[in-house]
Amino acid sequence: MKDILVFSAFYKPHLGGVEKYVENFYKRLSNHKVTVVTSKYDKSLKKKEKDENLNIVRVDSIQILKDKYYIPTLKGFKEVKKLIRDSKESNTEIHTHTRFYLNNFLATLLARKYKVNHYHFEHGSSFVQDGSSIVRLFACIFDQTLGKYILAKSDLVFPISEGVRKFLNKNYKNIKFGPTLYNSYDFKGREYKNSAKPTNPKLLFVGRLVKSKGVYELVEAAKILKEDGFSFTLTFIGDGSEKDSLTKYIEDNNLNKHIILKGKLPYTETQSEFPKYDIFINPSYTEGLPTTVLEALFNNLLIIATDVGGTNEIIPKKLLMNREKLSPHNLAEHIKDTFNRWEELKLKYKDIYKEDKKKFSWEENIKKYLDS
């Protein structure tokens, strides 16, 4: 039995791909004592609590970027230091998730100081693309200094997709890699189902409403589809910095009958939404391994997505859109083409579903971690 200190910038109730990975991965390590160390980003959150077999510890933090970036206060740093210092006598591992966060740099630094085994899980397959030019400059400096330190000083780095591994190999040196530990899916009760072609397809986007997710290309594509007389509805589930601008665009272009912004929903409610739709769209400019694409696939939706990060490890490259050619017009044409090829694609997806069910099994990927 190991003690594992897991450093994740956010955890529930905050929603995101890294948070779900952390929850799903460590809840399956039932024979280990796992403590998730995360930001106390909301004063109403408890300092300590249990989430099934996981111990959650929230360290005192201060907001740097609204709802995006928190760093430990001096008090928070002392809390992190004590947790790692007190763990050095036991059979403890430090796990950090994603190189972008200061708390993960501090955990790496302290793991080395107290000689505690440290493993890093990398989720990012690109440099930061969101935010203002100042934010991107700061992120670039962090990535090339503290982020580089995290990757170089970890005992092992586990990419969460081969796309992440390729990005790290290209941009960083002196990394000791472990196996790829895929973001995965709980297949309990899931089977492939071939559904009849709908009369009017229901399109779905799930994710943050930010520019790097291609949300503007998508609403502009919807405008083109409307003008072309293509019958559809498009639903957005998620929240983000572009919500107000998107709302205005929808109103200015009389798209209210075609586009629905549902806002952020709880995870379980989001999962119950997937089966109500026909085609899932993820026109993103950057991904690690997109959780929502996995969720859409195993809810039997057809997928329209850009070939970024590890997306082509879920859906074959030939069925994806070239990110460099992403535009509202091309996206609109891809939506129409996918709908027109419904029967043909559904047959292809039967094989994709079968292959991915093995690759993206939590049990298979946790076994790779335990054997490493």
Protein backbone atom coordinates (compact mmCIF):
# COMPACT_ATOMS: atom_id res chain seq x y z
CA MET A 1 0.00 0.00 0.00
CA LYS A 2 1.30 3.42 -0.99
CA ASP A 3 0.50 6.88 0.24
CA ILE A 4 -0.03 9.18 -2.76
CA LEU A 5 -0.18 12.97 -2.62
CA VAL A 6 -1.90 14.16 -5.80
CA PHE A 7 -1.44 17.81 -6.78
CA SER A 8 -4.21 19.09 -9.04
CA ALA A 9 -4.85 22.82 -9.43
CA PHE A 10 -8.61 22.20 -9.29
CA TYR A 11 -10.91 19.45 -8.11
CA LYS A 12 -14.66 19.02 -7.75
CA PRO A 13 -16.95 20.90 -7.78
CA HIS A 14 -14.79 22.66 -10.42
CA LEU A 15 -15.42 20.98 -13.78
CA GLY A 16 -12.72 20.13 -16.30
CA GLY A 17 -10.92 17.30 -18.05
CA VAL A 18 -8.00 17.16 -15.59
CA GLU A 19 -10.36 17.10 -12.60
CA LYS A 20 -12.31 14.17 -14.05
CA TYR A 21 -9.09 12.32 -14.88
CA VAL A 22 -7.86 12.74 -11.30
CA GLU A 23 -11.18 11.59 -9.86
CA ASN A 24 -11.55 8.56 -12.13
CA PHE A 25 -7.93 7.43 -11.93
CA TYR A 26 -7.41 7.61 -8.18
CA LYS A 27 -10.79 6.30 -7.10
CA ARG A 28 -9.72 3.09 -8.80
CA LEU A 29 -6.58 2.83 -6.64
CA SER A 30 -8.60 1.46 -3.75
CA ASN A 31 -5.61 -0.26 -2.11
CA HIS A 32 -3.71 3.01 -1.71
CA LYS A 33 -4.17 6.00 0.56
CA VAL A 34 -4.72 8.94 -1.79
CA THR A 35 -4.83 12.60 -0.80
CA VAL A 36 -5.75 15.17 -3.46
CA VAL A 37 -4.10 18.53 -2.74
CA THR A 38 -5.89 21.34 -4.54
CA SER A 39 -6.72 25.06 -4.45
CA LYS A 40 -9.26 26.49 -2.04
CA TYR A 41 -10.63 28.63 -4.84
CA ASP A 42 -13.93 29.30 -3.09
CA LYS A 43 -14.27 30.32 0.57
CA SER A 44 -17.38 28.14 0.95
CA LEU A 45 -15.41 24.95 0.19
CA LYS A 46 -14.33 22.78 3.08
CA LYS A 47 -10.66 22.70 4.00
CA LYS A 48 -10.74 18.92 4.27
CA GLU A 49 -13.27 16.34 3.18
CA LYS A 50 -13.70 12.83 1.81
CA ASP A 51 -14.79 11.91 -1.70
CA GLU A 52 -15.35 8.15 -1.42
CA ASN A 53 -11.83 6.72 -0.88
CA LEU A 54 -10.08 10.04 -1.62
CA ASN A 55 -8.97 12.56 1.00
CA ILE A 56 -9.34 16.13 -0.30
CA VAL A 57 -7.14 18.88 1.14
CA ARG A 58 -7.62 22.45 -0.10
CA VAL A 59 -4.72 24.80 0.52
CA ASP A 60 -5.12 28.53 1.06
CA SER A 61 -4.94 30.21 -2.36
CA ILE A 62 -5.25 33.57 -4.08
CA GLN A 63 -6.84 34.23 -7.48
CA ILE A 64 -4.55 35.51 -10.26
CA LEU A 65 -6.87 35.00 -13.26
CA LYS A 66 -10.61 34.83 -12.63
CA ASP A 67 -11.82 31.24 -12.40
CA LYS A 68 -8.65 30.03 -14.18
CA TYR A 69 -5.50 30.44 -12.13
CA TYR A 70 -4.88 30.34 -8.40
CA ILE A 71 -1.58 30.21 -6.53
CA PRO A 72 -0.92 29.24 -2.92
CA THR A 73 -0.63 32.08 -0.41
CA LEU A 74 2.29 32.01 2.04
CA LYS A 75 -0.01 30.09 4.37
CA GLY A 76 -0.87 27.74 1.50
CA PHE A 77 2.81 27.18 0.71
CA LYS A 78 3.46 26.24 4.35
CA GLU A 79 0.55 23.80 4.18
CA VAL A 80 2.00 22.16 1.05
CA LYS A 81 5.47 22.04 2.62
CA LYS A 82 4.15 20.34 5.76
CA LEU A 83 2.23 17.74 3.77
CA ILE A 84 5.32 16.75 1.77
CA ARG A 85 7.78 17.01 4.66
CA ASP A 86 5.59 14.81 6.88
CA SER A 87 5.25 12.24 4.11
CA LYS A 88 8.97 11.60 3.61
CA GLU A 89 9.16 8.86 6.26
CA SER A 90 6.40 6.78 4.65
CA ASN A 91 6.20 4.98 1.31
CA THR A 92 4.85 8.10 -0.40
CA GLU A 93 4.63 9.21 -4.00
CA ILE A 94 4.01 12.76 -5.19
CA HIS A 95 1.87 13.04 -8.34
CA THR A 96 1.46 16.35 -10.17
CA HIS A 97 -1.02 16.97 -13.00
CA THR A 98 -0.29 19.48 -15.80
CA ARG A 99 2.85 21.59 -15.95
CA PHE A 100 1.14 25.02 -16.07
CA TYR A 101 0.52 25.54 -12.35
CA LEU A 102 2.69 27.00 -9.61
CA ASN A 103 1.47 24.52 -7.00
CA ASN A 104 2.91 21.72 -9.16
CA PHE A 105 6.27 23.50 -9.38
CA LEU A 106 6.32 23.86 -5.58
CA ALA A 107 5.43 20.18 -5.18
CA THR A 108 8.28 19.22 -7.55
CA LEU A 109 10.74 21.44 -5.69
CA LEU A 110 9.74 20.08 -2.28
CA ALA A 111 9.69 16.47 -3.49
CA ARG A 112 13.34 16.85 -4.45
CA LYS A 113 14.23 18.62 -1.20
CA TYR A 114 12.70 15.87 0.94
CA LYS A 115 13.69 13.06 -1.46
CA VAL A 116 10.16 11.84 -2.14
CA ASN A 117 9.39 9.94 -5.36
CA HIS A 118 7.68 12.27 -7.84
CA TYR A 119 5.68 11.35 -10.93
CA HIS A 120 4.17 13.91 -13.28
CA PHE A 121 1.08 13.39 -15.46
CA GLU A 122 1.05 15.72 -18.47
CA HIS A 123 -2.27 16.67 -20.04
CA GLY A 124 -1.23 19.50 -22.39
CA SER A 125 -0.24 19.05 -26.04
CA SER A 126 0.44 22.71 -26.84
CA PHE A 127 1.53 25.97 -25.30
CA VAL A 128 -1.17 28.16 -23.73
CA GLN A 129 -3.35 29.80 -26.38
CA ASP A 130 -6.12 31.42 -24.31
CA GLY A 131 -6.15 34.91 -22.81
CA SER A 132 -4.60 38.25 -23.64
CA SER A 133 -1.12 38.70 -25.12
CA ILE A 134 0.18 39.48 -21.61
CA VAL A 135 -1.33 36.26 -20.23
CA ARG A 136 0.18 34.22 -23.08
CA LEU A 137 3.58 35.86 -22.55
CA PHE A 138 3.49 35.04 -18.84
CA ALA A 139 2.42 31.46 -19.66
CA CYS A 140 5.26 31.11 -22.18
CA ILE A 141 7.84 32.30 -19.64
CA PHE A 142 6.43 29.93 -17.02
CA ASP A 143 6.44 27.04 -19.49
CA GLN A 144 10.07 27.56 -20.49
CA THR A 145 11.29 27.89 -16.90
CA LEU A 146 9.20 26.39 -14.09
CA GLY A 147 7.23 24.11 -16.40
CA LYS A 148 10.46 22.81 -17.89
CA TYR A 149 11.77 22.18 -14.37
CA ILE A 150 8.70 20.08 -13.46
CA LEU A 151 9.16 17.88 -16.52
CA ALA A 152 12.94 17.49 -16.19
CA LYS A 153 13.00 16.76 -12.46
CA SER A 154 10.17 14.23 -12.31
CA ASP A 155 11.19 10.60 -11.81
CA LEU A 156 8.77 9.68 -14.59
CA VAL A 157 6.44 11.67 -16.84
CA PHE A 158 3.20 9.95 -17.89
CA PRO A 159 1.60 11.55 -21.00
CA ILE A 160 -2.17 11.11 -21.16
CA SER A 161 -2.03 10.63 -24.94
CA GLU A 162 0.54 9.95 -27.64
CA GLY A 163 -0.18 13.46 -28.92
CA VAL A 164 1.06 14.84 -25.59
CA ARG A 165 4.16 12.63 -25.76
CA LYS A 166 4.93 13.89 -29.27
CA PHE A 167 4.58 17.53 -28.16
CA LEU A 168 6.85 17.01 -25.15
CA ASN A 169 9.49 15.19 -27.21
CA LYS A 170 9.54 18.05 -29.71
CA ASN A 171 9.72 20.92 -27.21
CA TYR A 172 11.52 19.65 -24.10
CA LYS A 173 14.67 17.72 -23.29
CA ASN A 174 15.79 15.40 -20.50
CA ILE A 175 12.37 13.88 -19.85
CA LYS A 176 12.19 10.33 -18.53
CA PHE A 177 8.92 8.95 -19.89
CA GLY A 178 6.66 6.33 -18.42
CA PRO A 179 3.89 4.63 -20.41
CA THR A 180 1.02 6.63 -21.87
CA LEU A 181 -1.83 6.56 -19.36
CA TYR A 182 -4.84 7.43 -21.45
CA ASN A 183 -7.72 9.50 -20.26
CA SER A 184 -10.35 6.77 -20.23
CA TYR A 185 -14.02 5.99 -19.85
CA ASP A 186 -16.28 3.86 -17.66
CA PHE A 187 -17.90 1.43 -20.10
CA LYS A 188 -20.25 -0.22 -17.62
CA GLY A 189 -23.50 -0.93 -19.42
CA ARG A 190 -22.26 0.65 -22.66
CA GLU A 191 -22.63 -1.01 -26.05
CA TYR A 192 -22.46 0.23 -29.63
CA LYS A 193 -25.86 1.17 -31.07
CA ASN A 194 -26.62 2.00 -34.67
CA SER A 195 -29.35 4.62 -34.87
CA ALA A 196 -31.47 5.73 -37.80
CA LYS A 197 -30.64 8.97 -39.58
CA PRO A 198 -32.59 11.85 -38.01
CA THR A 199 -34.66 14.28 -40.05
CA ASN A 200 -33.12 17.34 -38.41
CA PRO A 201 -29.79 16.63 -36.68
CA LYS A 202 -29.24 17.80 -33.13
CA LEU A 203 -25.69 19.14 -32.80
CA LEU A 204 -23.84 19.35 -29.49
CA PHE A 205 -20.80 21.19 -28.12
CA VAL A 206 -19.56 20.56 -24.57
CA GLY A 207 -16.67 22.53 -23.16
CA ARG A 208 -15.35 25.92 -22.11
CA LEU A 209 -16.65 28.87 -24.10
CA VAL A 210 -13.23 30.25 -25.02
CA LYS A 211 -11.65 31.17 -28.35
CA SER A 212 -9.23 28.24 -28.39
CA LYS A 213 -12.17 25.82 -28.43
CA GLY A 214 -13.30 27.17 -31.81
CA VAL A 215 -16.64 28.45 -30.51
CA TYR A 216 -16.75 31.44 -32.87
CA GLU A 217 -16.05 29.25 -35.89
CA LEU A 218 -18.92 27.05 -34.74
CA VAL A 219 -21.56 29.78 -34.30
CA GLU A 220 -20.53 31.34 -37.62
CA ALA A 221 -20.84 27.91 -39.24
CA ALA A 222 -24.34 27.69 -37.76
CA LYS A 223 -25.18 31.01 -39.41
CA ILE A 224 -24.01 29.63 -42.77
CA LEU A 225 -26.08 26.46 -42.31
CA LYS A 226 -29.16 28.52 -41.54
CA GLU A 227 -28.62 30.65 -44.66
CA ASP A 228 -28.20 27.45 -46.71
CA GLY A 229 -31.57 26.17 -45.50
CA PHE A 230 -30.03 23.27 -43.51
CA SER A 231 -32.36 22.26 -40.66
CA PHE A 232 -30.61 21.71 -37.32
CA THR A 233 -30.33 22.75 -33.70
CA LEU A 234 -27.00 23.40 -31.96
CA THR A 235 -26.65 23.23 -28.18
CA PHE A 236 -23.70 24.53 -26.15
CA ILE A 237 -23.11 23.10 -22.68
CA GLY A 238 -20.45 25.00 -20.77
CA ASP A 239 -19.42 28.43 -19.60
CA GLY A 240 -16.48 30.72 -20.20
CA SER A 241 -15.13 34.15 -21.01
CA GLU A 242 -16.85 34.34 -24.43
CA LYS A 243 -20.40 33.59 -23.24
CA ASP A 244 -21.66 37.20 -23.40
CA SER A 245 -20.12 37.79 -26.84
CA LEU A 246 -21.62 34.55 -28.17
CA THR A 247 -25.03 35.48 -26.77
CA LYS A 248 -24.85 38.83 -28.59
CA TYR A 249 -23.79 37.16 -31.85
CA ILE A 250 -26.72 34.74 -31.64
CA GLU A 251 -29.18 37.56 -31.01
CA ASP A 252 -27.73 39.88 -33.69
CA ASN A 253 -27.96 37.14 -36.30
CA ASN A 254 -31.42 35.83 -35.33
CA LEU A 255 -30.04 32.40 -34.44
CA ASN A 256 -32.09 31.97 -31.24
CA LYS A 257 -34.24 29.22 -32.78
CA HIS A 258 -31.15 27.33 -33.91
CA ILE A 259 -28.63 27.79 -31.08
CA ILE A 260 -29.20 27.09 -27.38
CA LEU A 261 -26.72 28.08 -24.66
CA LYS A 262 -27.45 25.84 -21.68
CA GLY A 263 -24.57 27.10 -19.57
CA LYS A 264 -22.53 24.96 -17.22
CA LEU A 265 -24.26 21.81 -15.98
CA PRO A 266 -23.22 19.34 -13.26
CA TYR A 267 -21.19 16.43 -14.63
CA THR A 268 -23.90 13.80 -14.15
CA GLU A 269 -26.47 16.03 -15.84
CA THR A 270 -24.10 16.64 -18.76
CA GLN A 271 -23.67 12.89 -19.18
CA SER A 272 -27.43 12.42 -19.33
CA GLU A 273 -27.59 15.03 -22.11
CA PHE A 274 -25.30 13.22 -24.58
CA PRO A 275 -27.81 10.54 -25.72
CA LYS A 276 -30.29 13.29 -26.73
CA TYR A 277 -28.04 14.42 -29.61
CA ASP A 278 -26.83 13.10 -32.96
CA ILE A 279 -23.54 14.79 -33.82
CA PHE A 280 -20.88 16.09 -31.44
CA ILE A 281 -18.66 18.97 -32.55
CA ASN A 282 -15.26 19.82 -31.07
CA PRO A 283 -13.56 22.41 -33.36
CA SER A 284 -10.74 23.01 -30.89
CA TYR A 285 -7.30 24.48 -31.59
CA THR A 286 -5.65 22.62 -28.71
CA GLU A 287 -6.32 19.45 -26.70
CA GLY A 288 -4.53 16.89 -24.60
CA LEU A 289 -6.89 13.99 -25.02
CA PRO A 290 -10.44 15.40 -25.21
CA THR A 291 -12.67 13.79 -22.59
CA THR A 292 -15.81 15.07 -24.27
CA VAL A 293 -14.95 13.32 -27.55
CA LEU A 294 -14.64 10.02 -25.66
CA GLU A 295 -17.94 10.67 -23.89
CA ALA A 296 -19.67 11.50 -27.17
CA LEU A 297 -18.28 8.42 -28.92
CA PHE A 298 -19.40 6.04 -26.20
CA ASN A 299 -22.84 7.64 -26.22
CA ASN A 300 -23.05 6.73 -29.93
CA LEU A 301 -22.80 10.23 -31.43
CA LEU A 302 -20.97 10.91 -34.67
CA ILE A 303 -17.95 13.16 -34.13
CA ILE A 304 -16.79 16.28 -35.95
CA ALA A 305 -13.47 17.41 -34.49
CA THR A 306 -10.17 18.98 -35.40
CA ASP A 307 -7.03 16.86 -35.55
CA VAL A 308 -5.34 18.24 -32.42
CA GLY A 309 -3.60 16.62 -29.46
CA GLY A 310 -4.70 13.04 -28.98
CA THR A 311 -8.01 13.36 -30.86
CA ASN A 312 -6.68 11.16 -33.69
CA GLU A 313 -6.08 8.42 -31.11
CA ILE A 314 -9.86 8.30 -30.61
CA ILE A 315 -11.15 9.00 -34.11
CA PRO A 316 -9.09 8.07 -37.21
CA LYS A 317 -7.18 11.00 -38.67
CA LYS A 318 -8.92 10.73 -42.04
CA LEU A 319 -12.27 11.49 -40.37
CA LEU A 320 -10.99 14.63 -38.62
CA MET A 321 -10.67 18.24 -39.78
CA ASN A 322 -7.28 19.82 -40.44
CA ARG A 323 -6.84 22.50 -37.76
CA GLU A 324 -4.97 24.75 -40.20
CA LYS A 325 -7.99 24.75 -42.51
CA LEU A 326 -10.58 25.33 -39.78
CA SER A 327 -13.01 28.05 -40.85
CA PRO A 328 -16.76 28.64 -40.48
CA HIS A 329 -17.31 27.66 -44.14
CA ASN A 330 -15.27 24.44 -43.91
CA LEU A 331 -16.93 23.53 -40.62
CA ALA A 332 -20.40 24.06 -42.08
CA GLU A 333 -19.50 21.85 -45.07
CA HIS A 334 -18.14 19.18 -42.72
CA ILE A 335 -21.39 19.17 -40.74
CA LYS A 336 -23.46 18.72 -43.90
CA ASP A 337 -21.11 16.02 -45.22
CA THR A 338 -21.24 14.09 -41.94
CA PHE A 339 -25.03 14.20 -41.93
CA ASN A 340 -25.23 13.11 -45.59
CA ARG A 341 -22.88 10.17 -44.94
CA TRP A 342 -24.79 9.07 -41.83
CA GLU A 343 -25.26 5.37 -42.71
CA GLU A 344 -21.71 4.95 -44.03
CA LEU A 345 -20.15 6.58 -40.97
CA LYS A 346 -22.28 4.62 -38.52
CA LEU A 347 -20.83 1.39 -39.97
CA LYS A 348 -17.28 2.74 -39.57
CA TYR A 349 -18.00 3.80 -35.98
CA LYS A 350 -18.85 0.24 -34.99
CA ASP A 351 -15.19 -0.73 -35.48
CA ILE A 352 -13.90 2.51 -33.92
CA TYR A 353 -16.06 1.87 -30.85
CA LYS A 354 -14.75 -1.68 -30.47
CA GLU A 355 -11.08 -0.66 -30.80
CA ASP A 356 -11.36 2.33 -28.46
CA LYS A 357 -13.18 0.36 -25.80
CA LYS A 358 -9.97 -1.54 -25.11
CA LYS A 359 -7.55 1.37 -25.52
CA PHE A 360 -9.47 3.72 -23.22
CA SER A 361 -10.22 1.32 -20.39
CA TRP A 362 -9.35 2.66 -16.93
CA GLU A 363 -8.43 -0.83 -15.80
CA GLU A 364 -5.91 -1.27 -18.65
CA ASN A 365 -4.28 2.12 -18.04
CA ILE A 366 -4.11 1.77 -14.26
CA LYS A 367 -2.41 -1.61 -14.75
CA LYS A 368 0.25 0.16 -16.88
CA TYR A 369 0.83 2.64 -14.03
CA LEU A 370 1.11 -0.11 -11.40
CA ASP A 371 3.56 -2.06 -13.57
CA SER A 372 5.79 0.96 -14.31
